[in-house]
């Protein structure tokens, strides 16, 4: 049984023109790279560790064990938290997917990409039987940031770059988070409170930019939350942010 403690979150409503509104805030020193949720518990992702928080009380319950250098976004599948990981900013660039067991909080390697020509892995999700992974480039090279599709045997079966209308909003940064929302791809940048809604093109290798929506997150890694809708972070404030879709 979890001990009672002072509730650390605040219920807020933030008006925005369109998109998602803030519904809950939980302070978390590890809310630097991303956040994820498995329902009851929330997870704040820092570069080298992941912390589990109780949704109701805001109490930190556990911190991960296992080596990590630069964790990025994470998503839950079959009860496990899969996180993009890289050696950024070192070169040559090496990327992998790490997996966290919430029961033991042990972080281990799931898929090692080794050195890739694509860049540094910032997010990876399993959707419709395929792994969708974004490998980021930065600075003058960030237009080469790519979404790569892998089959169950980790064979590359598709690759798309992000459109100019999205890249132009990133400055010298890149795509930090993303996941599939029904038939659309939602992606975030480094520090702006927006999500880019994209879709696969009928032809060609450039994703189509459908629209840009407001979110109460400062970019970085986001994920689906089964209770509120979305989960992300406010990096400067080091907070986990939950958000619901505006009616």
C-alpha atoms as a PDB file:
ATOM      1  CA  UNK A   1       0.000   0.000   0.000  1.00  0.00           C
ATOM      2  CA  UNK A   2       1.360   3.397  -0.961  1.00  0.00           C
ATOM      3  CA  UNK A   3       1.809   5.929   1.833  1.00  0.00           C
ATOM      4  CA  UNK A   4      -0.298   9.041   1.790  1.00  0.00           C
ATOM      5  CA  UNK A   5       1.582  12.223   1.034  1.00  0.00           C
ATOM      6  CA  UNK A   6       0.943  15.814   0.130  1.00  0.00           C
ATOM      7  CA  UNK A   7      -0.410  16.164  -3.361  1.00  0.00           C
ATOM      8  CA  UNK A   8       2.286  17.819  -5.437  1.00  0.00           C
ATOM      9  CA  UNK A   9       0.356  18.500  -8.583  1.00  0.00           C
ATOM     10  CA  UNK A  10      -1.908  21.379  -9.513  1.00  0.00           C
ATOM     11  CA  UNK A  11      -4.999  21.120 -11.645  1.00  0.00           C
ATOM     12  CA  UNK A  12      -4.829  23.857 -14.223  1.00  0.00           C
ATOM     13  CA  UNK A  13      -6.705  24.983 -17.273  1.00  0.00           C
ATOM     14  CA  UNK A  14      -4.747  26.875 -19.897  1.00  0.00           C
ATOM     15  CA  UNK A  15      -6.620  28.403 -22.782  1.00  0.00           C
ATOM     16  CA  UNK A  16      -5.126  27.819 -26.224  1.00  0.00           C
ATOM     17  CA  UNK A  17      -6.416  28.579 -29.733  1.00  0.00           C
ATOM     18  CA  UNK A  18      -6.499  24.932 -30.702  1.00  0.00           C
ATOM     19  CA  UNK A  19      -4.845  21.715 -29.578  1.00  0.00           C
ATOM     20  CA  UNK A  20      -4.406  20.471 -26.013  1.00  0.00           C
ATOM     21  CA  UNK A  21      -4.753  22.141 -22.618  1.00  0.00           C
ATOM     22  CA  UNK A  22      -2.843  21.495 -19.397  1.00  0.00           C
ATOM     23  CA  UNK A  23      -4.745  19.342 -16.903  1.00  0.00           C
ATOM     24  CA  UNK A  24      -2.182  18.239 -14.308  1.00  0.00           C
ATOM     25  CA  UNK A  25       1.346  19.153 -13.239  1.00  0.00           C
ATOM     26  CA  UNK A  26       3.788  17.067 -11.178  1.00  0.00           C
ATOM     27  CA  UNK A  27       7.220  18.419 -10.210  1.00  0.00           C
ATOM     28  CA  UNK A  28       9.961  15.989 -11.258  1.00  0.00           C
ATOM     29  CA  UNK A  29      13.709  16.758 -11.294  1.00  0.00           C
ATOM     30  CA  UNK A  30      14.114  14.095 -13.999  1.00  0.00           C
ATOM     31  CA  UNK A  31      11.687  15.828 -16.403  1.00  0.00           C
ATOM     32  CA  UNK A  32      14.481  16.881 -18.735  1.00  0.00           C
ATOM     33  CA  UNK A  33      14.061  14.763 -21.860  1.00  0.00           C
ATOM     34  CA  UNK A  34      10.543  13.315 -21.899  1.00  0.00           C
ATOM     35  CA  UNK A  35       7.654  11.751 -19.995  1.00  0.00           C
ATOM     36  CA  UNK A  36       5.534   8.627 -20.437  1.00  0.00           C
ATOM     37  CA  UNK A  37       2.607   6.920 -18.729  1.00  0.00           C
ATOM     38  CA  UNK A  38       1.312   3.399 -18.212  1.00  0.00           C
ATOM     39  CA  UNK A  39      -1.935   4.510 -16.553  1.00  0.00           C
ATOM     40  CA  UNK A  40      -1.446   4.517 -12.800  1.00  0.00           C
ATOM     41  CA  UNK A  41       2.147   5.718 -12.823  1.00  0.00           C
ATOM     42  CA  UNK A  42       3.995   8.476 -14.641  1.00  0.00           C
ATOM     43  CA  UNK A  43       7.613   8.363 -15.772  1.00  0.00           C
ATOM     44  CA  UNK A  44      10.018  11.301 -16.047  1.00  0.00           C
ATOM     45  CA  UNK A  45      12.958  10.674 -18.374  1.00  0.00           C
ATOM     46  CA  UNK A  46      16.336  12.351 -17.896  1.00  0.00           C
ATOM     47  CA  UNK A  47      19.440  11.700 -19.959  1.00  0.00           C
ATOM     48  CA  UNK A  48      20.822   8.979 -17.696  1.00  0.00           C
ATOM     49  CA  UNK A  49      17.855   7.769 -15.626  1.00  0.00           C
ATOM     50  CA  UNK A  50      14.088   7.349 -15.419  1.00  0.00           C
ATOM     51  CA  UNK A  51      11.958   8.046 -12.340  1.00  0.00           C
ATOM     52  CA  UNK A  52       8.511   6.614 -11.580  1.00  0.00           C
ATOM     53  CA  UNK A  53       5.878   8.894  -9.989  1.00  0.00           C
ATOM     54  CA  UNK A  54       2.457   8.185  -8.542  1.00  0.00           C
ATOM     55  CA  UNK A  55      -0.215   9.917 -10.635  1.00  0.00           C
ATOM     56  CA  UNK A  56      -2.458  10.744  -7.657  1.00  0.00           C
ATOM     57  CA  UNK A  57       0.025  11.865  -5.018  1.00  0.00           C
ATOM     58  CA  UNK A  58       2.938  13.041  -7.148  1.00  0.00           C
ATOM     59  CA  UNK A  59       5.285  10.974  -4.977  1.00  0.00           C
ATOM     60  CA  UNK A  60       8.463   9.627  -6.540  1.00  0.00           C
ATOM     61  CA  UNK A  61       8.319   5.842  -6.206  1.00  0.00           C
ATOM     62  CA  UNK A  62      11.538   4.578  -7.778  1.00  0.00           C
ATOM     63  CA  UNK A  63      14.506   5.427 -10.006  1.00  0.00           C
ATOM     64  CA  UNK A  64      15.924   3.233 -12.757  1.00  0.00           C
ATOM     65  CA  UNK A  65      19.125   1.227 -12.580  1.00  0.00           C
ATOM     66  CA  UNK A  66      21.308   0.371 -15.550  1.00  0.00           C
ATOM     67  CA  UNK A  67      23.635   2.466 -17.739  1.00  0.00           C
ATOM     68  CA  UNK A  68      22.346   5.286 -19.935  1.00  0.00           C
ATOM     69  CA  UNK A  69      23.952   8.321 -21.560  1.00  0.00           C
ATOM     70  CA  UNK A  70      21.329  10.221 -23.523  1.00  0.00           C
ATOM     71  CA  UNK A  71      17.811   8.841 -23.172  1.00  0.00           C
ATOM     72  CA  UNK A  72      15.193  10.583 -25.254  1.00  0.00           C
ATOM     73  CA  UNK A  73      11.470   9.896 -25.611  1.00  0.00           C
ATOM     74  CA  UNK A  74       9.755   6.708 -24.434  1.00  0.00           C
ATOM     75  CA  UNK A  75       6.555   4.778 -25.051  1.00  0.00           C
ATOM     76  CA  UNK A  76       4.821   1.842 -23.386  1.00  0.00           C
ATOM     77  CA  UNK A  77       4.177  -1.482 -25.106  1.00  0.00           C
ATOM     78  CA  UNK A  78       3.062  -4.669 -23.350  1.00  0.00           C
ATOM     79  CA  UNK A  79       3.868  -3.186 -19.963  1.00  0.00           C
ATOM     80  CA  UNK A  80       7.433  -2.143 -20.781  1.00  0.00           C
ATOM     81  CA  UNK A  81       8.822   1.341 -21.415  1.00  0.00           C
ATOM     82  CA  UNK A  82      10.881   1.550 -24.611  1.00  0.00           C
ATOM     83  CA  UNK A  83      13.207   4.552 -24.855  1.00  0.00           C
ATOM     84  CA  UNK A  84      15.265   5.995 -27.665  1.00  0.00           C
ATOM     85  CA  UNK A  85      18.904   6.319 -26.610  1.00  0.00           C
ATOM     86  CA  UNK A  86      22.029   7.706 -28.262  1.00  0.00           C
ATOM     87  CA  UNK A  87      25.568   8.837 -27.522  1.00  0.00           C
ATOM     88  CA  UNK A  88      24.769  12.415 -28.617  1.00  0.00           C
ATOM     89  CA  UNK A  89      26.738  14.706 -28.964  1.00  0.00           C
ATOM     90  CA  UNK A  90      29.612  12.267 -29.459  1.00  0.00           C
ATOM     91  CA  UNK A  91      30.678  10.996 -32.851  1.00  0.00           C
ATOM     92  CA  UNK A  92      30.515   8.643 -34.589  1.00  0.00           C
ATOM     93  CA  UNK A  93      26.813   8.579 -33.764  1.00  0.00           C
ATOM     94  CA  UNK A  94      25.530   5.410 -32.120  1.00  0.00           C
ATOM     95  CA  UNK A  95      21.900   4.700 -31.250  1.00  0.00           C
ATOM     96  CA  UNK A  96      19.831   2.048 -29.564  1.00  0.00           C
ATOM     97  CA  UNK A  97      16.449   1.359 -27.989  1.00  0.00           C
ATOM     98  CA  UNK A  98      16.563   0.655 -24.270  1.00  0.00           C
ATOM     99  CA  UNK A  99      13.721  -0.980 -22.332  1.00  0.00           C
ATOM    100  CA  UNK A 100      12.658  -0.404 -18.736  1.00  0.00           C
ATOM    101  CA  UNK A 101      10.929  -3.050 -16.645  1.00  0.00           C
ATOM    102  CA  UNK A 102       8.613  -1.021 -14.345  1.00  0.00           C
ATOM    103  CA  UNK A 103       8.490  -3.833 -11.789  1.00  0.00           C
ATOM    104  CA  UNK A 104      12.252  -3.912 -11.237  1.00  0.00           C
ATOM    105  CA  UNK A 105      13.127  -0.468 -12.687  1.00  0.00           C
ATOM    106  CA  UNK A 106      16.015  -2.146 -14.498  1.00  0.00           C
ATOM    107  CA  UNK A 107      17.016  -0.483 -17.776  1.00  0.00           C
ATOM    108  CA  UNK A 108      18.511  -2.809 -20.394  1.00  0.00           C
ATOM    109  CA  UNK A 109      19.302  -2.854 -24.101  1.00  0.00           C
ATOM    110  CA  UNK A 110      16.536  -3.904 -26.509  1.00  0.00           C
ATOM    111  CA  UNK A 111      17.857  -3.013 -29.976  1.00  0.00           C
ATOM    112  CA  UNK A 112      21.344  -1.774 -30.818  1.00  0.00           C
ATOM    113  CA  UNK A 113      21.591   0.109 -34.111  1.00  0.00           C
ATOM    114  CA  UNK A 114      25.323   0.654 -33.698  1.00  0.00           C
ATOM    115  CA  UNK A 115      26.745   3.362 -35.924  1.00  0.00           C
ATOM    116  CA  UNK A 116      24.090   4.574 -38.355  1.00  0.00           C
ATOM    117  CA  UNK A 117      24.213   6.909 -41.313  1.00  0.00           C
ATOM    118  CA  UNK A 118      20.854   8.371 -40.281  1.00  0.00           C
ATOM    119  CA  UNK A 119      21.841  10.369 -37.161  1.00  0.00           C
ATOM    120  CA  UNK A 120      20.943  10.194 -33.455  1.00  0.00           C
ATOM    121  CA  UNK A 121      17.781   8.332 -32.449  1.00  0.00           C
ATOM    122  CA  UNK A 122      15.312  10.656 -30.670  1.00  0.00           C
ATOM    123  CA  UNK A 123      12.086   8.632 -30.684  1.00  0.00           C
ATOM    124  CA  UNK A 124      10.928   5.131 -31.567  1.00  0.00           C
ATOM    125  CA  UNK A 125       7.465   3.563 -31.428  1.00  0.00           C
ATOM    126  CA  UNK A 126       5.859   0.305 -32.541  1.00  0.00           C
ATOM    127  CA  UNK A 127       2.806   0.903 -34.747  1.00  0.00           C
ATOM    128  CA  UNK A 128       0.898  -1.473 -37.039  1.00  0.00           C
ATOM    129  CA  UNK A 129       3.599  -4.110 -36.674  1.00  0.00           C
ATOM    130  CA  UNK A 130       6.447  -1.792 -37.670  1.00  0.00           C
ATOM    131  CA  UNK A 131       9.001   0.210 -35.726  1.00  0.00           C
ATOM    132  CA  UNK A 132       9.007   3.913 -36.610  1.00  0.00           C
ATOM    133  CA  UNK A 133      12.192   5.702 -35.593  1.00  0.00           C
ATOM    134  CA  UNK A 134      13.306   9.293 -36.008  1.00  0.00           C
ATOM    135  CA  UNK A 135      17.028   9.906 -36.345  1.00  0.00           C
ATOM    136  CA  UNK A 136      17.902  13.549 -35.786  1.00  0.00           C
ATOM    137  CA  UNK A 137      20.451  15.809 -37.406  1.00  0.00           C
ATOM    138  CA  UNK A 138      21.294  19.219 -35.995  1.00  0.00           C
ATOM    139  CA  UNK A 139      22.555  22.640 -37.043  1.00  0.00           C
ATOM    140  CA  UNK A 140      22.968  23.231 -40.761  1.00  0.00           C
ATOM    141  CA  UNK A 141      22.264  19.535 -41.303  1.00  0.00           C
ATOM    142  CA  UNK A 142      18.884  19.254 -39.554  1.00  0.00           C
ATOM    143  CA  UNK A 143      16.927  19.033 -42.842  1.00  0.00           C
ATOM    144  CA  UNK A 144      18.362  15.495 -43.080  1.00  0.00           C
ATOM    145  CA  UNK A 145      16.420  14.418 -39.959  1.00  0.00           C
ATOM    146  CA  UNK A 146      14.563  11.290 -41.040  1.00  0.00           C
ATOM    147  CA  UNK A 147      11.699   9.008 -40.065  1.00  0.00           C
ATOM    148  CA  UNK A 148      12.746   5.414 -40.750  1.00  0.00           C
ATOM    149  CA  UNK A 149      10.363   2.437 -40.865  1.00  0.00           C
ATOM    150  CA  UNK A 150      11.585  -1.049 -39.898  1.00  0.00           C
ATOM    151  CA  UNK A 151       9.863  -4.407 -40.180  1.00  0.00           C
ATOM    152  CA  UNK A 152       9.843  -7.063 -37.445  1.00  0.00           C
ATOM    153  CA  UNK A 153      13.293  -8.254 -38.564  1.00  0.00           C
ATOM    154  CA  UNK A 154      14.686  -4.702 -38.359  1.00  0.00           C
ATOM    155  CA  UNK A 155      14.959  -4.375 -42.110  1.00  0.00           C
ATOM    156  CA  UNK A 156      14.570  -0.803 -43.322  1.00  0.00           C
ATOM    157  CA  UNK A 157      11.427  -0.636 -45.458  1.00  0.00           C
ATOM    158  CA  UNK A 158      10.840   3.121 -45.705  1.00  0.00           C
ATOM    159  CA  UNK A 159      12.430   6.499 -45.049  1.00  0.00           C
ATOM    160  CA  UNK A 160      11.004  10.025 -45.079  1.00  0.00           C
ATOM    161  CA  UNK A 161      12.419  13.451 -44.266  1.00  0.00           C
ATOM    162  CA  UNK A 162      10.471  16.207 -42.517  1.00  0.00           C
ATOM    163  CA  UNK A 163       9.040  19.061 -44.631  1.00  0.00           C
ATOM    164  CA  UNK A 164      10.619  22.519 -44.850  1.00  0.00           C
ATOM    165  CA  UNK A 165       7.627  24.055 -43.055  1.00  0.00           C
ATOM    166  CA  UNK A 166       8.566  22.005 -39.977  1.00  0.00           C
ATOM    167  CA  UNK A 167      12.362  22.223 -40.246  1.00  0.00           C
ATOM    168  CA  UNK A 168      12.141  26.031 -40.534  1.00  0.00           C
ATOM    169  CA  UNK A 169      10.534  26.161 -37.072  1.00  0.00           C
ATOM    170  CA  UNK A 170      13.304  24.180 -35.364  1.00  0.00           C
ATOM    171  CA  UNK A 171      16.174  26.658 -35.570  1.00  0.00           C
ATOM    172  CA  UNK A 172      19.370  24.643 -35.217  1.00  0.00           C
ATOM    173  CA  UNK A 173      17.608  21.900 -33.269  1.00  0.00           C
ATOM    174  CA  UNK A 174      15.658  18.904 -34.532  1.00  0.00           C
ATOM    175  CA  UNK A 175      12.669  16.627 -33.932  1.00  0.00           C
ATOM    176  CA  UNK A 176      12.682  15.498 -30.296  1.00  0.00           C
ATOM    177  CA  UNK A 177       9.511  13.433 -29.863  1.00  0.00           C
ATOM    178  CA  UNK A 178       6.749  11.757 -31.793  1.00  0.00           C
ATOM    179  CA  UNK A 179       4.154   9.000 -32.027  1.00  0.00           C
ATOM    180  CA  UNK A 180       1.204   7.898 -34.123  1.00  0.00           C
ATOM    181  CA  UNK A 181      -2.198   9.385 -33.220  1.00  0.00           C
ATOM    182  CA  UNK A 182      -4.743   7.349 -35.188  1.00  0.00           C
ATOM    183  CA  UNK A 183      -3.611   7.814 -38.806  1.00  0.00           C
ATOM    184  CA  UNK A 184      -1.520  10.929 -38.193  1.00  0.00           C
ATOM    185  CA  UNK A 185       1.980  11.411 -36.888  1.00  0.00           C
ATOM    186  CA  UNK A 186       2.463  13.905 -34.048  1.00  0.00           C
ATOM    187  CA  UNK A 187       5.978  15.306 -33.643  1.00  0.00           C
ATOM    188  CA  UNK A 188       7.578  17.879 -31.366  1.00  0.00           C
ATOM    189  CA  UNK A 189      10.665  20.040 -31.600  1.00  0.00           C
ATOM    190  CA  UNK A 190      13.187  21.062 -28.963  1.00  0.00           C
ATOM    191  CA  UNK A 191      11.512  23.878 -27.002  1.00  0.00           C
ATOM    192  CA  UNK A 192       8.366  25.295 -28.622  1.00  0.00           C
ATOM    193  CA  UNK A 193       4.862  24.582 -27.199  1.00  0.00           C
ATOM    194  CA  UNK A 194       3.493  23.087 -30.412  1.00  0.00           C
ATOM    195  CA  UNK A 195       2.993  19.701 -32.011  1.00  0.00           C
ATOM    196  CA  UNK A 196       3.364  19.177 -35.757  1.00  0.00           C
ATOM    197  CA  UNK A 197       0.671  16.982 -37.277  1.00  0.00           C
ATOM    198  CA  UNK A 198       2.036  15.038 -40.247  1.00  0.00           C
ATOM    199  CA  UNK A 199       1.077  12.214 -42.541  1.00  0.00           C
ATOM    200  CA  UNK A 200       2.805   9.897 -44.967  1.00  0.00           C
ATOM    201  CA  UNK A 201       2.745  11.142 -48.570  1.00  0.00           C
ATOM    202  CA  UNK A 202       0.967   9.178 -51.263  1.00  0.00           C
ATOM    203  CA  UNK A 203       4.160   9.492 -53.279  1.00  0.00           C
ATOM    204  CA  UNK A 204       7.657  10.745 -52.567  1.00  0.00           C
ATOM    205  CA  UNK A 205       9.827  10.730 -49.465  1.00  0.00           C
ATOM    206  CA  UNK A 206       8.862  13.945 -47.671  1.00  0.00           C
ATOM    207  CA  UNK A 207       6.244  13.855 -44.897  1.00  0.00           C
ATOM    208  CA  UNK A 208       3.203  16.086 -45.410  1.00  0.00           C
ATOM    209  CA  UNK A 209       2.623  18.836 -42.836  1.00  0.00           C
ATOM    210  CA  UNK A 210      -1.130  18.829 -42.084  1.00  0.00           C
ATOM    211  CA  UNK A 211      -1.290  21.437 -39.299  1.00  0.00           C
ATOM    212  CA  UNK A 212       0.415  22.755 -36.174  1.00  0.00           C
ATOM    213  CA  UNK A 213      -1.414  22.595 -32.823  1.00  0.00           C
ATOM    214  CA  UNK A 214      -0.650  24.107 -29.439  1.00  0.00           C
ATOM    215  CA  UNK A 215       0.415  21.944 -26.500  1.00  0.00           C
ATOM    216  CA  UNK A 216       1.417  22.894 -22.946  1.00  0.00           C
ATOM    217  CA  UNK A 217       4.814  21.219 -23.304  1.00  0.00           C
ATOM    218  CA  UNK A 218       8.196  22.806 -24.036  1.00  0.00           C
ATOM    219  CA  UNK A 219       8.918  20.450 -26.919  1.00  0.00           C
ATOM    220  CA  UNK A 220      10.974  17.328 -26.088  1.00  0.00           C
ATOM    221  CA  UNK A 221       9.531  13.801 -25.863  1.00  0.00           C
ATOM    222  CA  UNK A 222       5.770  13.288 -25.598  1.00  0.00           C
ATOM    223  CA  UNK A 223       3.584  10.201 -25.368  1.00  0.00           C
ATOM    224  CA  UNK A 224      -0.014   9.048 -25.160  1.00  0.00           C
ATOM    225  CA  UNK A 225      -1.608   9.078 -21.706  1.00  0.00           C
ATOM    226  CA  UNK A 226      -4.603   6.770 -21.443  1.00  0.00           C
ATOM    227  CA  UNK A 227      -6.293   8.904 -18.778  1.00  0.00           C
ATOM    228  CA  UNK A 228      -5.867  12.517 -19.898  1.00  0.00           C
ATOM    229  CA  UNK A 229      -4.714  12.245 -23.513  1.00  0.00           C
ATOM    230  CA  UNK A 230      -1.083  13.382 -23.775  1.00  0.00           C
ATOM    231  CA  UNK A 231       1.911  13.557 -21.460  1.00  0.00           C
ATOM    232  CA  UNK A 232       5.046  15.662 -21.828  1.00  0.00           C
ATOM    233  CA  UNK A 233       7.315  17.943 -19.842  1.00  0.00           C
ATOM    234  CA  UNK A 234       8.125  21.546 -19.046  1.00  0.00           C
ATOM    235  CA  UNK A 235      11.900  21.292 -19.190  1.00  0.00           C
ATOM    236  CA  UNK A 236      12.828  24.681 -17.627  1.00  0.00           C
ATOM    237  CA  UNK A 237      10.494  24.028 -14.673  1.00  0.00           C
ATOM    238  CA  UNK A 238      11.291  20.296 -14.513  1.00  0.00           C
ATOM    239  CA  UNK A 239       7.644  19.244 -14.456  1.00  0.00           C
ATOM    240  CA  UNK A 240       5.619  16.374 -15.873  1.00  0.00           C
ATOM    241  CA  UNK A 241       2.654  17.839 -17.758  1.00  0.00           C
ATOM    242  CA  UNK A 242      -0.586  16.021 -18.533  1.00  0.00           C
ATOM    243  CA  UNK A 243      -2.891  17.452 -21.172  1.00  0.00           C
ATOM    244  CA  UNK A 244      -6.359  16.870 -22.563  1.00  0.00           C
ATOM    245  CA  UNK A 245      -7.702  17.811 -25.977  1.00  0.00           C
ATOM    246  CA  UNK A 246      -9.601  21.093 -26.054  1.00  0.00           C
ATOM    247  CA  UNK A 247     -13.278  20.682 -26.868  1.00  0.00           C
END
